[in-house]
């Protein structure tokens, strides 16, 4: 193992101590577990995200039939609703 020094916020340390006590694990074991979970799955790259979006396009019925003619209005409406 490699020894490392990290700085955590007071809130992070408090949460780790609570969980350490609850799970009867050392702080180091909890940090190793968190790092393992974080590094186990790589985030998708841009091509994967783009491919997922392309496969999802057109697969769901919204009931709106004029989106191809009013795409700018539909986008503006969606942006306003997301705020």
PDB file of N, CA and C in Angstrom:
ATOM      1  N   UNK A   1       0.837  -1.190   0.000  1.00  0.00           N
ATOM      2  CA  UNK A   1       0.000   0.000   0.000  1.00  0.00           C
ATOM      3  C   UNK A   1       0.874   1.242   0.000  1.00  0.00           C
ATOM      4  N   UNK A   2       0.297   2.310  -0.521  1.00  0.00           N
ATOM      5  CA  UNK A   2       0.983   3.592  -0.577  1.00  0.00           C
ATOM      6  C   UNK A   2       0.335   4.516   0.437  1.00  0.00           C
ATOM      7  N   UNK A   3       1.148   5.155   1.245  1.00  0.00           N
ATOM      8  CA  UNK A   3       0.633   6.098   2.229  1.00  0.00           C
ATOM      9  C   UNK A   3       0.444   7.444   1.551  1.00  0.00           C
ATOM     10  N   UNK A   4      -0.741   8.048   1.776  1.00  0.00           N
ATOM     11  CA  UNK A   4      -1.041   9.350   1.186  1.00  0.00           C
ATOM     12  C   UNK A   4      -1.615  10.266   2.252  1.00  0.00           C
ATOM     13  N   UNK A   5      -1.470  11.524   2.006  1.00  0.00           N
ATOM     14  CA  UNK A   5      -2.044  12.517   2.908  1.00  0.00           C
ATOM     15  C   UNK A   5      -3.066  13.324   2.108  1.00  0.00           C
ATOM     16  N   UNK A   6      -4.283  13.429   2.650  1.00  0.00           N
ATOM     17  CA  UNK A   6      -5.335  14.201   1.987  1.00  0.00           C
ATOM     18  C   UNK A   6      -5.947  15.167   2.987  1.00  0.00           C
ATOM     19  N   UNK A   7      -6.546  16.200   2.468  1.00  0.00           N
ATOM     20  CA  UNK A   7      -7.237  17.155   3.323  1.00  0.00           C
ATOM     21  C   UNK A   7      -8.730  17.040   3.059  1.00  0.00           C
ATOM     22  N   UNK A   8      -9.497  16.919   4.134  1.00  0.00           N
ATOM     23  CA  UNK A   8     -10.948  16.790   4.054  1.00  0.00           C
ATOM     24  C   UNK A   8     -11.588  17.940   4.814  1.00  0.00           C
ATOM     25  N   UNK A   9     -12.824  18.245   4.449  1.00  0.00           N
ATOM     26  CA  UNK A   9     -13.552  19.278   5.188  1.00  0.00           C
ATOM     27  C   UNK A   9     -13.982  18.708   6.538  1.00  0.00           C
ATOM     28  N   UNK A  10     -14.309  19.600   7.449  1.00  0.00           N
ATOM     29  CA  UNK A  10     -14.801  19.161   8.757  1.00  0.00           C
ATOM     30  C   UNK A  10     -16.040  18.282   8.602  1.00  0.00           C
ATOM     31  N   UNK A  11     -16.937  18.658   7.668  1.00  0.00           N
ATOM     32  CA  UNK A  11     -18.164  17.889   7.453  1.00  0.00           C
ATOM     33  C   UNK A  11     -17.859  16.488   6.931  1.00  0.00           C
ATOM     34  N   UNK A  12     -16.882  16.378   6.042  1.00  0.00           N
ATOM     35  CA  UNK A  12     -16.505  15.066   5.521  1.00  0.00           C
ATOM     36  C   UNK A  12     -15.944  14.176   6.615  1.00  0.00           C
ATOM     37  N   UNK A  13     -15.111  14.732   7.475  1.00  0.00           N
ATOM     38  CA  UNK A  13     -14.528  13.950   8.566  1.00  0.00           C
ATOM     39  C   UNK A  13     -15.607  13.500   9.546  1.00  0.00           C
ATOM     40  N   UNK A  14     -16.542  14.397   9.858  1.00  0.00           N
ATOM     41  CA  UNK A  14     -17.635  14.028  10.771  1.00  0.00           C
ATOM     42  C   UNK A  14     -18.459  12.890  10.186  1.00  0.00           C
ATOM     43  N   UNK A  15     -18.768  12.994   8.886  1.00  0.00           N
ATOM     44  CA  UNK A  15     -19.555  11.942   8.241  1.00  0.00           C
ATOM     45  C   UNK A  15     -18.780  10.622   8.226  1.00  0.00           C
ATOM     46  N   UNK A  16     -17.482  10.687   7.944  1.00  0.00           N
ATOM     47  CA  UNK A  16     -16.664   9.471   7.956  1.00  0.00           C
ATOM     48  C   UNK A  16     -16.606   8.851   9.347  1.00  0.00           C
ATOM     49  N   UNK A  17     -16.462   9.678  10.358  1.00  0.00           N
ATOM     50  CA  UNK A  17     -16.406   9.142  11.731  1.00  0.00           C
ATOM     51  C   UNK A  17     -17.722   8.483  12.119  1.00  0.00           C
ATOM     52  N   UNK A  18     -18.848   9.100  11.749  1.00  0.00           N
ATOM     53  CA  UNK A  18     -20.153   8.494  12.055  1.00  0.00           C
ATOM     54  C   UNK A  18     -20.271   7.131  11.373  1.00  0.00           C
ATOM     55  N   UNK A  19     -19.901   7.107  10.096  1.00  0.00           N
ATOM     56  CA  UNK A  19     -20.008   5.847   9.348  1.00  0.00           C
ATOM     57  C   UNK A  19     -19.011   4.826   9.864  1.00  0.00           C
ATOM     58  N   UNK A  20     -17.827   5.267  10.241  1.00  0.00           N
ATOM     59  CA  UNK A  20     -16.812   4.384  10.798  1.00  0.00           C
ATOM     60  C   UNK A  20     -17.348   3.681  12.043  1.00  0.00           C
ATOM     61  N   UNK A  21     -17.977   4.460  12.881  1.00  0.00           N
ATOM     62  CA  UNK A  21     -18.529   3.902  14.118  1.00  0.00           C
ATOM     63  C   UNK A  21     -19.676   2.934  13.803  1.00  0.00           C
ATOM     64  N   UNK A  22     -20.548   3.356  12.886  1.00  0.00           N
ATOM     65  CA  UNK A  22     -21.717   2.549  12.541  1.00  0.00           C
ATOM     66  C   UNK A  22     -21.310   1.210  11.899  1.00  0.00           C
ATOM     67  N   UNK A  23     -20.285   1.240  11.032  1.00  0.00           N
ATOM     68  CA  UNK A  23     -19.885   0.030  10.316  1.00  0.00           C
ATOM     69  C   UNK A  23     -18.709  -0.697  10.962  1.00  0.00           C
ATOM     70  N   UNK A  24     -18.212  -0.127  12.060  1.00  0.00           N
ATOM     71  CA  UNK A  24     -17.088  -0.729  12.781  1.00  0.00           C
ATOM     72  C   UNK A  24     -15.885  -0.932  11.856  1.00  0.00           C
ATOM     73  N   UNK A  25     -15.571   0.130  11.087  1.00  0.00           N
ATOM     74  CA  UNK A  25     -14.416   0.128  10.188  1.00  0.00           C
ATOM     75  C   UNK A  25     -13.548   1.335  10.485  1.00  0.00           C
ATOM     76  N   UNK A  26     -12.283   1.236  10.161  1.00  0.00           N
ATOM     77  CA  UNK A  26     -11.396   2.381  10.341  1.00  0.00           C
ATOM     78  C   UNK A  26     -11.698   3.436   9.279  1.00  0.00           C
ATOM     79  N   UNK A  27     -11.271   4.661   9.551  1.00  0.00           N
ATOM     80  CA  UNK A  27     -11.430   5.729   8.566  1.00  0.00           C
ATOM     81  C   UNK A  27     -10.683   5.373   7.277  1.00  0.00           C
ATOM     82  N   UNK A  28      -9.495   4.819   7.418  1.00  0.00           N
ATOM     83  CA  UNK A  28      -8.705   4.440   6.246  1.00  0.00           C
ATOM     84  C   UNK A  28      -9.438   3.401   5.402  1.00  0.00           C
ATOM     85  N   UNK A  29     -10.077   2.440   6.051  1.00  0.00           N
ATOM     86  CA  UNK A  29     -10.810   1.409   5.312  1.00  0.00           C
ATOM     87  C   UNK A  29     -11.985   2.017   4.558  1.00  0.00           C
ATOM     88  N   UNK A  30     -12.657   2.963   5.190  1.00  0.00           N
ATOM     89  CA  UNK A  30     -13.768   3.632   4.510  1.00  0.00           C
ATOM     90  C   UNK A  30     -13.295   4.436   3.308  1.00  0.00           C
ATOM     91  N   UNK A  31     -12.186   5.136   3.457  1.00  0.00           N
ATOM     92  CA  UNK A  31     -11.650   5.921   2.341  1.00  0.00           C
ATOM     93  C   UNK A  31     -11.231   4.990   1.210  1.00  0.00           C
ATOM     94  N   UNK A  32     -10.570   3.877   1.543  1.00  0.00           N
ATOM     95  CA  UNK A  32     -10.182   2.921   0.499  1.00  0.00           C
ATOM     96  C   UNK A  32     -11.407   2.370  -0.218  1.00  0.00           C
ATOM     97  N   UNK A  33     -12.461   2.089   0.532  1.00  0.00           N
ATOM     98  CA  UNK A  33     -13.700   1.579  -0.060  1.00  0.00           C
ATOM     99  C   UNK A  33     -14.311   2.623  -1.003  1.00  0.00           C
ATOM    100  N   UNK A  34     -14.312   3.876  -0.585  1.00  0.00           N
ATOM    101  CA  UNK A  34     -14.865   4.941  -1.427  1.00  0.00           C
ATOM    102  C   UNK A  34     -14.052   5.118  -2.703  1.00  0.00           C
ATOM    103  N   UNK A  35     -12.727   5.090  -2.576  1.00  0.00           N
ATOM    104  CA  UNK A  35     -11.866   5.224  -3.750  1.00  0.00           C
ATOM    105  C   UNK A  35     -12.091   4.043  -4.688  1.00  0.00           C
ATOM    106  N   UNK A  36     -12.219   2.858  -4.154  1.00  0.00           N
ATOM    107  CA  UNK A  36     -12.475   1.663  -4.973  1.00  0.00           C
ATOM    108  C   UNK A  36     -13.785   1.810  -5.743  1.00  0.00           C
ATOM    109  N   UNK A  37     -14.836   2.253  -5.068  1.00  0.00           N
ATOM    110  CA  UNK A  37     -16.127   2.434  -5.738  1.00  0.00           C
ATOM    111  C   UNK A  37     -16.038   3.507  -6.814  1.00  0.00           C
ATOM    112  N   UNK A  38     -15.315   4.571  -6.539  1.00  0.00           N
ATOM    113  CA  UNK A  38     -15.181   5.678  -7.486  1.00  0.00           C
ATOM    114  C   UNK A  38     -14.398   5.274  -8.720  1.00  0.00           C
ATOM    115  N   UNK A  39     -13.368   4.474  -8.543  1.00  0.00           N
ATOM    116  CA  UNK A  39     -12.491   4.127  -9.667  1.00  0.00           C
ATOM    117  C   UNK A  39     -12.920   2.856 -10.385  1.00  0.00           C
ATOM    118  N   UNK A  40     -13.877   2.137  -9.842  1.00  0.00           N
ATOM    119  CA  UNK A  40     -14.303   0.868 -10.446  1.00  0.00           C
ATOM    120  C   UNK A  40     -14.963   1.092 -11.802  1.00  0.00           C
ATOM    121  N   UNK A  41     -15.760   2.131 -11.928  1.00  0.00           N
ATOM    122  CA  UNK A  41     -16.501   2.384 -13.155  1.00  0.00           C
ATOM    123  C   UNK A  41     -16.012   3.676 -13.784  1.00  0.00           C
ATOM    124  N   UNK A  42     -15.555   3.566 -15.015  1.00  0.00           N
ATOM    125  CA  UNK A  42     -15.104   4.754 -15.737  1.00  0.00           C
ATOM    126  C   UNK A  42     -16.312   5.477 -16.312  1.00  0.00           C
ATOM    127  N   UNK A  43     -16.327   6.785 -16.250  1.00  0.00           N
ATOM    128  CA  UNK A  43     -17.431   7.514 -16.870  1.00  0.00           C
ATOM    129  C   UNK A  43     -17.398   7.314 -18.383  1.00  0.00           C
ATOM    130  N   UNK A  44     -18.562   7.357 -19.023  1.00  0.00           N
ATOM    131  CA  UNK A  44     -18.571   7.158 -20.472  1.00  0.00           C
ATOM    132  C   UNK A  44     -17.849   8.296 -21.181  1.00  0.00           C
ATOM    133  N   UNK A  45     -17.193   7.961 -22.295  1.00  0.00           N
ATOM    134  CA  UNK A  45     -16.526   9.006 -23.064  1.00  0.00           C
ATOM    135  C   UNK A  45     -17.550   9.705 -23.968  1.00  0.00           C
ATOM    136  N   UNK A  46     -17.133  10.737 -24.657  1.00  0.00           N
ATOM    137  CA  UNK A  46     -18.048  11.529 -25.478  1.00  0.00           C
ATOM    138  C   UNK A  46     -18.732  10.694 -26.552  1.00  0.00           C
ATOM    139  N   UNK A  47     -18.005   9.778 -27.169  1.00  0.00           N
ATOM    140  CA  UNK A  47     -18.594   8.938 -28.217  1.00  0.00           C
ATOM    141  C   UNK A  47     -19.693   8.038 -27.657  1.00  0.00           C
ATOM    142  N   UNK A  48     -19.474   7.491 -26.457  1.00  0.00           N
ATOM    143  CA  UNK A  48     -20.495   6.646 -25.829  1.00  0.00           C
ATOM    144  C   UNK A  48     -21.738   7.452 -25.495  1.00  0.00           C
ATOM    145  N   UNK A  49     -21.559   8.645 -24.954  1.00  0.00           N
ATOM    146  CA  UNK A  49     -22.695   9.504 -24.611  1.00  0.00           C
ATOM    147  C   UNK A  49     -23.468   9.869 -25.872  1.00  0.00           C
ATOM    148  N   UNK A  50     -22.741  10.242 -26.911  1.00  0.00           N
ATOM    149  CA  UNK A  50     -23.374  10.606 -28.179  1.00  0.00           C
ATOM    150  C   UNK A  50     -24.138   9.408 -28.757  1.00  0.00           C
ATOM    151  N   UNK A  51     -23.539   8.231 -28.692  1.00  0.00           N
ATOM    152  CA  UNK A  51     -24.193   7.023 -29.199  1.00  0.00           C
ATOM    153  C   UNK A  51     -25.464   6.701 -28.441  1.00  0.00           C
ATOM    154  N   UNK A  52     -25.436   6.834 -27.126  1.00  0.00           N
ATOM    155  CA  UNK A  52     -26.641   6.597 -26.320  1.00  0.00           C
ATOM    156  C   UNK A  52     -27.746   7.562 -26.706  1.00  0.00           C
ATOM    157  N   UNK A  53     -27.379   8.822 -26.883  1.00  0.00           N
ATOM    158  CA  UNK A  53     -28.373   9.831 -27.258  1.00  0.00           C
ATOM    159  C   UNK A  53     -28.969   9.520 -28.624  1.00  0.00           C
ATOM    160  N   UNK A  54     -28.139   9.108 -29.569  1.00  0.00           N
ATOM    161  CA  UNK A  54     -28.633   8.798 -30.914  1.00  0.00           C
ATOM    162  C   UNK A  54     -29.560   7.580 -30.889  1.00  0.00           C
ATOM    163  N   UNK A  55     -29.233   6.581 -30.072  1.00  0.00           N
ATOM    164  CA  UNK A  55     -30.098   5.397 -29.988  1.00  0.00           C
ATOM    165  C   UNK A  55     -31.426   5.718 -29.312  1.00  0.00           C
ATOM    166  N   UNK A  56     -31.430   6.693 -28.416  1.00  0.00           N
ATOM    167  CA  UNK A  56     -32.664   7.054 -27.707  1.00  0.00           C
ATOM    168  C   UNK A  56     -33.554   7.975 -28.537  1.00  0.00           C
ATOM    169  N   UNK A  57     -32.967   8.688 -29.473  1.00  0.00           N
ATOM    170  CA  UNK A  57     -33.722   9.659 -30.271  1.00  0.00           C
ATOM    171  C   UNK A  57     -34.840   8.959 -31.036  1.00  0.00           C
ATOM    172  N   UNK A  58     -36.049   9.499 -30.895  1.00  0.00           N
ATOM    173  CA  UNK A  58     -37.186   8.986 -31.637  1.00  0.00           C
ATOM    174  C   UNK A  58     -37.830   7.738 -31.059  1.00  0.00           C
ATOM    175  N   UNK A  59     -37.376   7.279 -29.914  1.00  0.00           N
ATOM    176  CA  UNK A  59     -37.913   6.035 -29.347  1.00  0.00           C
ATOM    177  C   UNK A  59     -39.111   6.255 -28.437  1.00  0.00           C
ATOM    178  N   UNK A  60     -39.444   7.510 -28.169  1.00  0.00           N
ATOM    179  CA  UNK A  60     -40.518   7.792 -27.230  1.00  0.00           C
ATOM    180  C   UNK A  60     -41.525   8.732 -27.876  1.00  0.00           C
ATOM    181  N   UNK A  61     -42.784   8.490 -27.615  1.00  0.00           N
ATOM    182  CA  UNK A  61     -43.842   9.316 -28.191  1.00  0.00           C
ATOM    183  C   UNK A  61     -44.221  10.414 -27.209  1.00  0.00           C
ATOM    184  N   UNK A  62     -44.115  11.654 -27.661  1.00  0.00           N
ATOM    185  CA  UNK A  62     -44.484  12.779 -26.805  1.00  0.00           C
ATOM    186  C   UNK A  62     -45.894  13.268 -27.078  1.00  0.00           C
ATOM    187  N   UNK A  63     -46.453  12.859 -28.213  1.00  0.00           N
ATOM    188  CA  UNK A  63     -47.763  13.354 -28.595  1.00  0.00           C
ATOM    189  C   UNK A  63     -47.688  14.650 -29.380  1.00  0.00           C
ATOM    190  N   UNK A  64     -46.510  15.247 -29.445  1.00  0.00           N
ATOM    191  CA  UNK A  64     -46.318  16.475 -30.202  1.00  0.00           C
ATOM    192  C   UNK A  64     -45.951  16.081 -31.621  1.00  0.00           C
ATOM    193  N   UNK A  65     -46.673  16.630 -32.593  1.00  0.00           N
ATOM    194  CA  UNK A  65     -46.460  16.196 -33.982  1.00  0.00           C
ATOM    195  C   UNK A  65     -45.760  17.226 -34.853  1.00  0.00           C
ATOM    196  N   UNK A  66     -45.529  18.439 -34.347  1.00  0.00           N
ATOM    197  CA  UNK A  66     -44.945  19.481 -35.197  1.00  0.00           C
ATOM    198  C   UNK A  66     -43.549  19.916 -34.747  1.00  0.00           C
ATOM    199  N   UNK A  67     -42.853  19.074 -34.023  1.00  0.00           N
ATOM    200  CA  UNK A  67     -41.540  19.448 -33.487  1.00  0.00           C
ATOM    201  C   UNK A  67     -40.533  19.729 -34.598  1.00  0.00           C
ATOM    202  N   UNK A  68     -40.617  18.994 -35.697  1.00  0.00           N
ATOM    203  CA  UNK A  68     -39.647  19.228 -36.770  1.00  0.00           C
ATOM    204  C   UNK A  68     -39.818  20.617 -37.376  1.00  0.00           C
ATOM    205  N   UNK A  69     -41.049  21.159 -37.360  1.00  0.00           N
ATOM    206  CA  UNK A  69     -41.276  22.502 -37.883  1.00  0.00           C
ATOM    207  C   UNK A  69     -41.009  23.575 -36.827  1.00  0.00           C
ATOM    208  N   UNK A  70     -41.227  23.238 -35.558  1.00  0.00           N
ATOM    209  CA  UNK A  70     -41.110  24.224 -34.479  1.00  0.00           C
ATOM    210  C   UNK A  70     -39.975  23.887 -33.519  1.00  0.00           C
ATOM    211  N   UNK A  71     -38.887  23.328 -34.015  1.00  0.00           N
ATOM    212  CA  UNK A  71     -37.816  22.852 -33.130  1.00  0.00           C
ATOM    213  C   UNK A  71     -37.221  23.969 -32.284  1.00  0.00           C
ATOM    214  N   UNK A  72     -37.089  25.179 -32.820  1.00  0.00           N
ATOM    215  CA  UNK A  72     -36.536  26.281 -32.026  1.00  0.00           C
ATOM    216  C   UNK A  72     -37.464  26.634 -30.869  1.00  0.00           C
ATOM    217  N   UNK A  73     -38.770  26.666 -31.150  1.00  0.00           N
ATOM    218  CA  UNK A  73     -39.747  26.953 -30.084  1.00  0.00           C
ATOM    219  C   UNK A  73     -39.744  25.842 -29.033  1.00  0.00           C
ATOM    220  N   UNK A  74     -39.664  24.591 -29.488  1.00  0.00           N
ATOM    221  CA  UNK A  74     -39.658  23.464 -28.545  1.00  0.00           C
ATOM    222  C   UNK A  74     -38.423  23.537 -27.635  1.00  0.00           C
ATOM    223  N   UNK A  75     -37.275  23.865 -28.215  1.00  0.00           N
ATOM    224  CA  UNK A  75     -36.059  23.989 -27.414  1.00  0.00           C
ATOM    225  C   UNK A  75     -36.182  25.123 -26.413  1.00  0.00           C
ATOM    226  N   UNK A  76     -36.684  26.257 -26.865  1.00  0.00           N
ATOM    227  CA  UNK A  76     -36.853  27.412 -25.960  1.00  0.00           C
ATOM    228  C   UNK A  76     -37.811  27.060 -24.823  1.00  0.00           C
ATOM    229  N   UNK A  77     -38.914  26.390 -25.146  1.00  0.00           N
ATOM    230  CA  UNK A  77     -39.881  25.968 -24.111  1.00  0.00           C
ATOM    231  C   UNK A  77     -39.222  25.045 -23.110  1.00  0.00           C
ATOM    232  N   UNK A  78     -38.441  24.082 -23.597  1.00  0.00           N
ATOM    233  CA  UNK A  78     -37.776  23.136 -22.709  1.00  0.00           C
ATOM    234  C   UNK A  78     -36.780  23.829 -21.796  1.00  0.00           C
ATOM    235  N   UNK A  79     -36.053  24.792 -22.329  1.00  0.00           N
ATOM    236  CA  UNK A  79     -35.076  25.525 -21.521  1.00  0.00           C
ATOM    237  C   UNK A  79     -35.755  26.362 -20.450  1.00  0.00           C
ATOM    238  N   UNK A  80     -36.867  26.982 -20.775  1.00  0.00           N
ATOM    239  CA  UNK A  80     -37.619  27.776 -19.796  1.00  0.00           C
ATOM    240  C   UNK A  80     -38.170  26.874 -18.697  1.00  0.00           C
ATOM    241  N   UNK A  81     -38.692  25.696 -19.067  1.00  0.00           N
ATOM    242  CA  UNK A  81     -39.260  24.776 -18.086  1.00  0.00           C
ATOM    243  C   UNK A  81     -38.198  24.186 -17.166  1.00  0.00           C
ATOM    244  N   UNK A  82     -36.966  24.096 -17.629  1.00  0.00           N
ATOM    245  CA  UNK A  82     -35.916  23.478 -16.807  1.00  0.00           C
ATOM    246  C   UNK A  82     -35.365  24.422 -15.749  1.00  0.00           C
ATOM    247  N   UNK A  83     -35.725  25.669 -15.799  1.00  0.00           N
ATOM    248  CA  UNK A  83     -35.211  26.639 -14.812  1.00  0.00           C
ATOM    249  C   UNK A  83     -35.916  26.557 -13.507  1.00  0.00           C
TER     250      UNK A  83
END
